[in-house]
Amino acid sequence: MNFQTEALSSKAWNLSTRKHISLPIHGTSIVTCLILDVRRNVIVTASDDFTLAVYTLSTGQPKLTLTGHEGGIWSLSSVTCDGRNLLISGSTDRTVRIWDLTSGKCLHVFRGHSSTVRCLEVASPIWTNSKMDVENFRSQSPLIITGSRDKSVKVWSIPGKDEPSFVPDEDLNAKENPYHLLDLTGHTDSVRSLSAHGRTAVSGSYDKTARIWDIVTGECRHVLTGHKGKIYVVVYDPIRDQVYSSGMDGTINIWSATSGTCLHTLTGHMSLIGLLELSSSSDPSPYLVSGCADATLKVWNPTTGDLVHTLTGHPSAITSFHHDGKRVLAGGDGTLRMWDIQTGTVVKDLLEGVTGIWKVAFDGQWGVCAYVKRDEGGLGQSMLDIWDFGSNDPKL
């Protein structure tokens, strides 16, 4: 596989060793998921071509191609468990697969959903000495929560490192899987988004509701009603014990996770809000950022619900963004742009004239973008661009 490395000029970036790497990935297929893992020096992409791919972050070199799914992959997460670096993927083939990130081997296949596994999260329960916790779970390893177009949410345990590969027959249902723990039912339409921390998980659905679950007991603590359209994204905030939700009706609701009441309804976007992201829990001055089909991003105070900035200038709907509490990397058709969240100003346009942005990831030093680049004949090639911004540039 060919790829190009461009050393950025010291005049533009103040450090000549910074890099911009560009390489083709996944042929003409859509890139559906993207993970930037700086600690392990890897990038992971998933696609509707049924595969996952692993690249070395610092060089862009391809490392592994993971095959086995029989449908497009639409949900992806990573976790460290028993000293193993694992990937968890969900697919239109209705399965959840657990992969060894080091070897690329598929360790386990979970069946039980009757439609696409559209979203998944990995959470580590907050353990107590209660008898109920011990009875419900055989170990204190992280749990997998999956949401599907079949309207259900399922909770699974991760097999231990000494357990043999679990690859059941196609006719095996979830209840026959020893690693299947809970079925969380109640939604009446597709489950589109999940967010989890500790023993709390939040699901958002096309049925216009969000639900707050206890993943130890399976109890539905609250049903959050108030949206007038499909919910596309939910975010659980354990620090403020709040839930943020958005979707088709163009509003963002801030809910109390304790009482289930709506604290604030944020308005101002003019279309579908399909992207919502909160600063890290360690950020002393957090920001909630929303990305909308109206081609704008908005920066909010998650405590008060006040609007901090509206970021305008993108030529089309925002299809992906990621922020680190200081800067946000965002794009859609046409442009990938970096913004300063605190001032609401543009830092730099990183890509221009591209057909579409699939996914972006950003951590301050590293920026990653998967997008489509079309040739003169209109054929689209998926690309992966990597930027090393360094750590000393006063603008970055």
Protein backbone atom coordinates (compact mmCIF):
# COMPACT_ATOMS: atom_id res chain seq x y z
CA MET A 1 0.00 0.00 0.00
CA ASN A 2 1.38 3.37 -1.00
CA PHE A 3 1.27 6.33 1.32
CA GLN A 4 2.80 9.78 1.39
CA THR A 5 4.51 11.64 4.21
CA GLU A 6 4.79 15.42 4.11
CA ALA A 7 7.11 17.22 6.52
CA LEU A 8 5.34 20.44 7.47
CA SER A 9 7.40 23.62 7.11
CA SER A 10 8.84 25.26 10.20
CA LYS A 11 7.44 28.60 9.03
CA ALA A 12 3.89 27.25 9.09
CA TRP A 13 4.10 25.03 12.16
CA ASN A 14 7.19 26.10 14.08
CA LEU A 15 8.56 22.55 14.15
CA SER A 16 9.94 20.90 11.01
CA THR A 17 9.58 17.39 12.45
CA ARG A 18 5.78 17.47 12.46
CA LYS A 19 4.15 15.23 9.90
CA HIS A 20 1.12 14.96 7.68
CA ILE A 21 0.58 11.41 6.46
CA SER A 22 -2.01 10.44 3.86
CA LEU A 23 -2.86 6.91 2.75
CA PRO A 24 -5.71 5.10 0.96
CA ILE A 25 -7.86 2.74 3.04
CA HIS A 26 -10.82 0.38 2.52
CA GLY A 27 -10.99 0.98 -1.23
CA THR A 28 -14.18 2.76 -2.22
CA SER A 29 -16.08 1.69 0.89
CA ILE A 30 -17.44 3.91 3.65
CA VAL A 31 -15.40 4.26 6.85
CA THR A 32 -17.98 3.81 9.61
CA CYS A 33 -15.86 3.88 12.80
CA LEU A 34 -12.51 5.31 13.85
CA ILE A 35 -10.44 4.87 17.01
CA LEU A 36 -7.33 6.92 17.81
CA ASP A 37 -5.31 5.19 20.53
CA VAL A 38 -2.25 7.29 21.31
CA ARG A 39 -1.11 5.12 24.22
CA ARG A 40 -0.86 2.07 21.99
CA ASN A 41 0.32 4.07 18.94
CA VAL A 42 -2.49 2.72 16.74
CA ILE A 43 -5.44 3.83 14.67
CA VAL A 44 -8.32 1.45 14.05
CA THR A 45 -10.86 1.89 11.25
CA ALA A 46 -14.00 -0.10 10.48
CA SER A 47 -15.93 -0.14 7.24
CA ASP A 48 -19.02 -1.33 5.44
CA ASP A 49 -16.62 -3.58 3.48
CA PHE A 50 -16.95 -6.02 6.47
CA THR A 51 -13.36 -5.42 7.70
CA LEU A 52 -11.43 -3.61 10.41
CA ALA A 53 -7.92 -2.29 9.82
CA VAL A 54 -5.15 -1.33 12.26
CA TYR A 55 -2.42 1.20 11.46
CA THR A 56 0.64 2.49 13.30
CA LEU A 57 -0.22 6.04 14.37
CA SER A 58 3.27 7.50 14.14
CA THR A 59 4.04 6.18 10.64
CA GLY A 60 0.70 5.37 9.03
CA GLN A 61 1.95 1.87 8.21
CA PRO A 62 -0.80 -0.77 7.96
CA LYS A 63 -0.45 -3.44 10.67
CA LEU A 64 -3.48 -5.73 10.57
CA THR A 65 -6.66 -6.42 8.63
CA LEU A 66 -9.36 -8.10 10.70
CA THR A 67 -11.84 -10.24 8.79
CA GLY A 68 -14.77 -12.39 9.84
CA HIS A 69 -17.84 -10.18 9.88
CA GLU A 70 -20.34 -10.95 7.14
CA GLY A 71 -21.80 -7.45 7.02
CA GLY A 72 -20.81 -3.83 7.42
CA ILE A 73 -19.39 -2.82 10.80
CA TRP A 74 -21.29 0.07 12.42
CA SER A 75 -20.11 0.09 16.03
CA LEU A 76 -16.67 -0.23 17.59
CA SER A 77 -14.94 0.17 20.94
CA SER A 78 -11.69 -0.83 22.62
CA VAL A 79 -10.85 -1.99 26.12
CA THR A 80 -8.00 -3.46 28.16
CA CYS A 81 -9.07 -6.58 30.05
CA ASP A 82 -6.89 -9.16 31.82
CA GLY A 83 -3.81 -7.50 30.32
CA ARG A 84 -5.20 -7.90 26.79
CA ASN A 85 -5.88 -5.09 24.35
CA LEU A 86 -9.27 -5.89 22.85
CA LEU A 87 -11.52 -4.52 20.14
CA ILE A 88 -15.30 -4.99 20.25
CA SER A 89 -17.25 -4.62 17.00
CA GLY A 90 -20.92 -4.77 16.04
CA SER A 91 -22.22 -5.40 12.54
CA THR A 92 -25.15 -5.60 10.18
CA ASP A 93 -24.57 -9.37 10.35
CA ARG A 94 -26.20 -9.07 13.84
CA THR A 95 -23.11 -10.28 15.71
CA VAL A 96 -20.73 -8.81 18.24
CA ARG A 97 -17.10 -9.84 17.85
CA ILE A 98 -14.22 -9.59 20.32
CA TRP A 99 -10.76 -9.25 18.75
CA ASP A 100 -7.21 -9.37 20.07
CA LEU A 101 -5.76 -6.03 18.97
CA THR A 102 -2.20 -7.37 19.08
CA SER A 103 -2.66 -10.48 16.93
CA GLY A 104 -5.79 -9.55 15.02
CA LYS A 105 -7.42 -12.85 16.00
CA CYS A 106 -11.17 -13.01 16.54
CA LEU A 107 -11.54 -14.48 20.02
CA HIS A 108 -15.31 -14.62 20.45
CA VAL A 109 -18.54 -14.15 18.51
CA PHE A 110 -21.75 -13.21 20.33
CA ARG A 111 -25.08 -13.85 18.64
CA GLY A 112 -28.53 -12.88 19.85
CA HIS A 113 -29.55 -9.61 18.24
CA SER A 114 -32.02 -10.02 15.40
CA SER A 115 -30.90 -6.92 13.49
CA THR A 116 -27.91 -4.60 13.03
CA VAL A 117 -25.80 -3.93 16.14
CA ARG A 118 -25.89 -0.17 15.66
CA CYS A 119 -24.11 1.01 18.82
CA LEU A 120 -22.03 -0.41 21.66
CA GLU A 121 -20.22 0.74 24.77
CA VAL A 122 -17.81 -0.87 27.22
CA ALA A 123 -18.21 -0.05 30.92
CA SER A 124 -16.59 -1.17 34.15
CA PRO A 125 -19.23 -1.58 36.89
CA ILE A 126 -18.71 0.18 40.19
CA TRP A 127 -18.56 -2.82 42.48
CA THR A 128 -19.92 -2.94 46.00
CA ASN A 129 -20.02 -5.67 48.62
CA SER A 130 -23.69 -6.31 48.04
CA LYS A 131 -24.87 -9.86 47.48
CA MET A 132 -26.73 -8.82 44.32
CA ASP A 133 -23.55 -7.72 42.57
CA VAL A 134 -21.83 -11.00 43.31
CA GLU A 135 -24.81 -13.04 42.15
CA ASN A 136 -25.20 -11.16 38.88
CA PHE A 137 -21.58 -11.14 37.79
CA ARG A 138 -18.91 -13.76 38.00
CA SER A 139 -16.01 -11.35 37.64
CA GLN A 140 -15.21 -7.68 37.88
CA SER A 141 -14.18 -7.37 34.24
CA PRO A 142 -15.67 -4.69 31.97
CA LEU A 143 -19.08 -5.26 30.44
CA ILE A 144 -20.21 -4.82 26.84
CA ILE A 145 -23.50 -3.00 26.24
CA THR A 146 -24.98 -3.29 22.74
CA GLY A 147 -27.92 -1.55 21.10
CA SER A 148 -29.66 -2.76 17.97
CA ARG A 149 -32.20 -1.95 15.33
CA ASP A 150 -34.15 -4.84 16.87
CA LYS A 151 -35.18 -2.32 19.62
CA SER A 152 -33.21 -4.08 22.38
CA VAL A 153 -30.18 -3.40 24.55
CA LYS A 154 -28.08 -6.34 25.71
CA VAL A 155 -25.36 -6.64 28.36
CA TRP A 156 -22.52 -9.15 27.98
CA SER A 157 -19.47 -10.10 30.03
CA ILE A 158 -16.05 -10.43 28.44
CA PRO A 159 -14.64 -13.98 28.61
CA GLY A 160 -11.46 -14.36 30.64
CA LYS A 161 -8.11 -14.71 28.93
CA ASP A 162 -7.98 -18.44 29.66
CA GLU A 163 -11.43 -19.11 28.21
CA PRO A 164 -11.47 -20.91 24.81
CA SER A 165 -12.79 -19.08 21.77
CA PHE A 166 -16.57 -18.86 21.81
CA VAL A 167 -17.91 -19.05 18.24
CA PRO A 168 -21.43 -20.52 18.41
CA ASP A 169 -23.65 -21.86 15.67
CA GLU A 170 -25.87 -19.35 13.92
CA ASP A 171 -29.02 -20.71 15.55
CA LEU A 172 -27.73 -20.16 19.11
CA ASN A 173 -29.74 -17.42 20.82
CA ALA A 174 -28.44 -15.01 23.42
CA LYS A 175 -29.92 -16.88 26.37
CA GLU A 176 -27.78 -19.92 25.54
CA ASN A 177 -24.63 -17.78 25.62
CA PRO A 178 -22.94 -18.00 29.04
CA TYR A 179 -21.55 -14.49 28.57
CA HIS A 180 -24.96 -12.92 27.93
CA LEU A 181 -26.14 -11.27 31.14
CA LEU A 182 -29.15 -9.05 30.52
CA ASP A 183 -31.82 -8.13 27.98
CA LEU A 184 -32.91 -4.53 28.50
CA THR A 185 -36.25 -4.11 26.76
CA GLY A 186 -38.77 -1.31 26.51
CA HIS A 187 -37.79 0.72 23.48
CA THR A 188 -40.31 0.52 20.66
CA ASP A 189 -37.98 1.48 17.82
CA SER A 190 -34.32 1.16 16.81
CA VAL A 191 -31.70 1.90 19.50
CA ARG A 192 -29.40 4.46 17.90
CA SER A 193 -26.98 5.54 20.66
CA LEU A 194 -25.48 4.33 23.95
CA SER A 195 -23.42 5.96 26.67
CA ALA A 196 -22.23 4.27 29.86
CA HIS A 197 -20.16 4.73 32.98
CA GLY A 198 -19.95 2.49 36.02
CA ARG A 199 -23.22 0.63 36.44
CA THR A 200 -25.26 3.23 34.53
CA ALA A 201 -26.04 3.03 30.82
CA VAL A 202 -28.18 5.39 28.75
CA SER A 203 -29.84 4.39 25.49
CA GLY A 204 -31.32 6.73 22.89
CA SER A 205 -33.89 5.50 20.39
CA TYR A 206 -35.83 6.40 17.30
CA ASP A 207 -38.92 6.01 19.51
CA LYS A 208 -38.12 9.60 20.72
CA THR A 209 -37.14 8.48 24.22
CA ALA A 210 -33.95 7.83 26.15
CA ARG A 211 -33.75 5.29 28.94
CA ILE A 212 -31.43 5.15 31.96
CA TRP A 213 -30.51 1.61 32.97
CA ASP A 214 -28.80 -0.09 35.89
CA ILE A 215 -26.61 -2.66 34.15
CA VAL A 216 -26.14 -4.63 37.37
CA THR A 217 -29.83 -5.26 38.06
CA GLY A 218 -31.30 -4.57 34.63
CA GLU A 219 -33.68 -1.99 36.10
CA CYS A 220 -34.86 0.87 33.91
CA ARG A 221 -34.49 3.81 36.29
CA HIS A 222 -36.06 6.46 34.07
CA VAL A 223 -37.68 6.91 30.69
CA LEU A 224 -36.77 10.36 29.37
CA THR A 225 -39.60 11.75 27.27
CA GLY A 226 -39.84 15.15 25.64
CA HIS A 227 -38.16 15.01 22.24
CA LYS A 228 -40.50 15.43 19.27
CA GLY A 229 -38.31 13.46 16.88
CA LYS A 230 -35.96 10.51 16.74
CA ILE A 231 -33.03 10.60 19.19
CA TYR A 232 -29.70 10.18 17.43
CA VAL A 233 -27.23 10.63 20.26
CA VAL A 234 -27.09 10.42 24.06
CA VAL A 235 -24.21 11.30 26.39
CA TYR A 236 -24.04 10.34 30.06
CA ASP A 237 -22.17 12.76 32.35
CA PRO A 238 -21.27 11.00 35.62
CA ILE A 239 -19.61 14.10 37.11
CA ARG A 240 -22.78 16.21 36.96
CA ASP A 241 -25.06 13.14 36.93
CA GLN A 242 -26.71 14.41 33.77
CA VAL A 243 -27.77 13.05 30.40
CA TYR A 244 -27.58 15.02 27.16
CA SER A 245 -29.72 13.99 24.20
CA SER A 246 -30.32 15.32 20.69
CA GLY A 247 -31.76 14.30 17.39
CA MET A 248 -34.23 14.96 14.64
CA ASP A 249 -36.15 17.79 16.34
CA GLY A 250 -33.09 20.08 16.40
CA THR A 251 -32.98 20.48 20.18
CA ILE A 252 -30.67 19.30 22.94
CA ASN A 253 -32.19 18.23 26.25
CA ILE A 254 -30.22 18.17 29.50
CA TRP A 255 -31.70 15.72 31.98
CA SER A 256 -31.10 14.93 35.64
CA ALA A 257 -30.02 11.30 35.78
CA THR A 258 -31.16 11.19 39.40
CA SER A 259 -34.74 12.35 38.94
CA GLY A 260 -35.24 11.88 35.18
CA THR A 261 -36.49 15.45 34.82
CA CYS A 262 -35.52 17.78 31.99
CA LEU A 263 -33.32 20.58 33.34
CA HIS A 264 -32.77 22.56 30.12
CA THR A 265 -33.82 22.46 26.48
CA LEU A 266 -31.19 24.03 24.23
CA THR A 267 -32.40 25.59 21.00
CA GLY A 268 -30.78 27.42 18.11
CA HIS A 269 -29.84 24.69 15.66
CA MET A 270 -32.02 24.57 12.57
CA SER A 271 -31.89 20.89 11.68
CA LEU A 272 -30.97 17.37 12.80
CA ILE A 273 -28.38 17.29 15.60
CA GLY A 274 -26.60 14.00 15.02
CA LEU A 275 -23.39 14.73 16.92
CA LEU A 276 -22.91 15.59 20.60
CA GLU A 277 -19.75 15.38 22.67
CA LEU A 278 -18.75 16.40 26.20
CA SER A 279 -15.26 17.33 27.40
CA SER A 280 -13.28 14.82 29.40
CA SER A 281 -14.44 14.33 32.99
CA SER A 282 -11.06 15.68 34.12
CA ASP A 283 -11.64 19.03 32.40
CA PRO A 284 -12.26 21.68 35.12
CA SER A 285 -14.22 23.87 32.66
CA PRO A 286 -16.08 21.41 30.46
CA TYR A 287 -17.79 22.13 27.17
CA LEU A 288 -20.65 20.37 25.45
CA VAL A 289 -20.28 20.62 21.66
CA SER A 290 -23.03 19.84 19.14
CA GLY A 291 -22.69 19.28 15.40
CA CYS A 292 -25.66 19.78 13.12
CA ALA A 293 -26.93 19.27 9.60
CA ASP A 294 -27.35 23.07 9.45
CA ALA A 295 -23.53 23.27 8.91
CA THR A 296 -22.81 24.75 12.34
CA LEU A 297 -21.30 23.64 15.61
CA LYS A 298 -22.39 25.09 18.92
CA VAL A 299 -20.45 25.17 22.18
CA TRP A 300 -22.52 25.03 25.37
CA ASN A 301 -22.00 25.22 29.11
CA PRO A 302 -23.24 21.79 30.29
CA THR A 303 -24.14 23.05 33.77
CA THR A 304 -26.20 26.09 32.88
CA GLY A 305 -27.14 25.25 29.30
CA ASP A 306 -25.85 28.64 28.16
CA LEU A 307 -24.60 29.00 24.58
CA VAL A 308 -20.90 29.88 24.56
CA HIS A 309 -20.13 30.02 20.81
CA THR A 310 -21.66 29.25 17.43
CA LEU A 311 -19.03 28.06 14.95
CA THR A 312 -20.06 28.93 11.40
CA GLY A 313 -18.37 28.77 8.02
CA HIS A 314 -18.53 25.10 7.07
CA PRO A 315 -19.99 24.70 3.57
CA SER A 316 -22.24 21.76 4.44
CA ALA A 317 -23.65 19.56 7.20
CA ILE A 318 -21.22 18.58 9.95
CA THR A 319 -20.71 14.85 9.53
CA SER A 320 -18.03 14.26 12.18
CA PHE A 321 -16.12 16.14 14.85
CA HIS A 322 -14.02 15.49 17.94
CA HIS A 323 -12.78 17.89 20.61
CA ASP A 324 -10.41 17.84 23.55
CA GLY A 325 -11.89 20.73 25.53
CA LYS A 326 -9.56 23.24 23.86
CA ARG A 327 -9.91 22.65 20.14
CA VAL A 328 -12.42 20.90 17.95
CA LEU A 329 -11.65 19.19 14.66
CA ALA A 330 -14.76 19.15 12.46
CA GLY A 331 -15.84 18.63 8.89
CA GLY A 332 -18.36 17.58 6.30
CA ASP A 333 -18.42 17.86 2.53
CA GLY A 334 -15.70 20.29 1.48
CA THR A 335 -13.59 21.16 4.50
CA LEU A 336 -11.87 19.79 7.61
CA ARG A 337 -11.39 22.69 10.02
CA MET A 338 -9.81 23.15 13.43
CA TRP A 339 -11.47 25.58 15.85
CA ASP A 340 -10.45 27.09 19.17
CA ILE A 341 -13.35 26.20 21.48
CA GLN A 342 -12.52 28.83 24.08
CA THR A 343 -12.52 31.75 21.60
CA GLY A 344 -14.78 30.37 18.89
CA THR A 345 -12.24 31.19 16.19
CA VAL A 346 -10.74 29.15 13.34
CA VAL A 347 -7.22 27.84 13.94
CA LYS A 348 -6.62 26.28 10.53
CA ASP A 349 -8.25 24.54 7.58
CA LEU A 350 -6.58 21.15 7.29
CA LEU A 351 -8.39 19.75 4.25
CA GLU A 352 -10.23 21.58 1.50
CA GLY A 353 -12.10 20.41 -1.56
CA VAL A 354 -12.73 16.89 -0.26
CA THR A 355 -16.01 15.20 -1.13
CA GLY A 356 -16.98 14.00 2.32
CA ILE A 357 -15.62 13.53 5.85
CA TRP A 358 -16.40 10.08 7.25
CA LYS A 359 -14.86 10.24 10.73
CA VAL A 360 -12.39 12.36 12.72
CA ALA A 361 -10.48 11.86 15.98
CA PHE A 362 -8.35 14.36 17.89
CA ASP A 363 -6.37 14.41 21.12
CA GLY A 364 -4.38 17.65 20.99
CA GLN A 365 -1.14 16.38 19.49
CA TRP A 366 -2.65 14.00 16.95
CA GLY A 367 -5.46 14.56 14.49
CA VAL A 368 -6.88 11.80 12.31
CA CYS A 369 -9.47 12.02 9.54
CA ALA A 370 -11.08 9.40 7.30
CA TYR A 371 -12.67 10.91 4.21
CA VAL A 372 -13.47 10.25 0.57
CA LYS A 373 -11.44 11.65 -2.31
CA ARG A 374 -12.95 11.51 -5.79
CA ASP A 375 -11.01 11.39 -9.05
CA GLU A 376 -11.99 13.14 -12.28
CA GLY A 377 -14.28 10.27 -13.17
CA GLY A 378 -16.16 10.56 -9.88
CA LEU A 379 -14.79 7.37 -8.34
CA GLY A 380 -14.36 7.80 -4.61
CA GLN A 381 -11.34 6.47 -2.69
CA SER A 382 -11.45 6.43 1.12
CA MET A 383 -8.39 8.09 2.63
CA LEU A 384 -6.83 8.32 6.07
CA ASP A 385 -4.89 11.48 6.96
CA ILE A 386 -2.79 11.79 10.13
CA TRP A 387 -1.40 15.05 11.54
CA ASP A 388 1.22 15.33 14.26
CA PHE A 389 0.78 18.82 15.69
CA GLY A 390 3.42 18.39 18.37
CA SER A 391 2.99 19.89 21.82
CA ASN A 392 4.84 23.22 21.77
CA ASP A 393 2.96 25.25 19.17
CA PRO A 394 1.21 28.09 21.06
CA LYS A 395 -1.74 27.83 18.65
CA LEU A 396 -2.16 24.11 19.28
